[in-house]
């Protein structure tokens, strides 16, 4: 409810007239209609993939991302972001695996226990260095790890182990519980802070350092700020167009789902095969990390699973040998930005829903991501207080939701910002490719994946040369 009201307030100043908003640098930015708004094709894209053949003309070389900075993580938030998700993915995989022997299951489970011990050491080392954790991120971690200690989790692990083939000793559940409990106690003991980065002498530069790691290349704060403002305008104008086409779109509550989880994943697998099939033509597995009876919004599933984050990792595993090094170093900015676009790319296939309503729902969700990302940048780099943030949001008609956005950005300083900025860079390259002769966005998406991850400027030069040479 809060998010929908926030979206409508933002639109109140964007429909019919352009607001002026003050940037952190102090200059006035005039809101204008964005130069690039993705157009939906009038017909469903053909299931026949466009052949990708490299022409004889040489293209600019595509470099591999430089190895990630080996220096220690800066804050507990970064350590948790780097290590929590791989741990949870592996735990979910164990719970739903049906083809493991007891020996293989136990070996992977012991590796999970070692991961918890490593996280615990990392948290303690950061604490000794004086690195504190935000209250929101601390609460989030406590809630998550407490849930991993409950009896249901232990029972589920025991049942999954018992269902495995072969012989084996008892599963080391006690060691797992002890490791999680120790880690949890140290997280609880960590000192909290109100502003994660700006309260330190080097806080602002540290924040950009971490953001650059997430993007895989150095980023400039002013470029991130201007990019997010352009993206906000694009999203807001797209929502206004959907509302003008169907004024009731904001009030509808039609679930964007095909049915249960299995039906949703089956539908999305077919879409992914049409949009960008795996390089070797193999089928995309339907395994998901959610409970079988859980319903999920199709846009959320498309972002997280297929054709989003999990699909991209699977695509990377099937990439050609000469691309493996680039995929192995693919940063979050590339993955999250492309996943955000791919959740939009499924819309033409969703024939059971009204087009205007789908556009409204997707842009509403994405505007929420971008607003949260902008809020994170303003707080953690520019040092905005809640009052500063309210003054900025006033230009968008959303100052009443300062607390809502502030709390989201404090809990998650990077993910939304990385997704929004990565998506903007994807759109930027796509527009340059279309201007250079690429016939449509579906062709571009296939060629973009076939090229593989690379620093954005190098990737833009490569994609532009591809279509210019063809022309």
Foldseek 3Di string as FASTA:
>chain_A
DLLLVLLVLLLVQQPPAWFWFADLVGDIDTQDAFPDFDDDDPADFDLDADDDDFDPDDFFDFDFQDPFDPDAQQALLLLCVVQVVVLLVLLLCLLPDQAAALVVSLVSVVVSLVSLVVSLVSLVVNLVVVHFAAPLQLVVVLVVLVVCLDPVVVVSNQVSSVSHDDDDDHRVVVSSNVSSVSSSVSSVPGDHDHFRFPVDPCRQVSLQVVQCSQQSHRDDLVVLLVLLVSVLSSLSVLLVVLCVVPVCLSVDDDAQFPAWLQVLLVLLQSVLSSLANAPVNDGDDSDDSDDRRDTDRSLVCQCPPGPAQVVLLVSLVRADPVQVSNSVSRHNLQRLLVSLVRSVVCLSVSVVDDSSSVSNVSSSVLSLLSLLLSLLSCCRNVVDDLVNQLSRCVSSSNSVCSVVSNSSCSNPNHNSSSNSSSNSLVSVLQVLLVVLADPDVSNVVNVLVNVGDGPSVSSSSRSSVSSNVVD
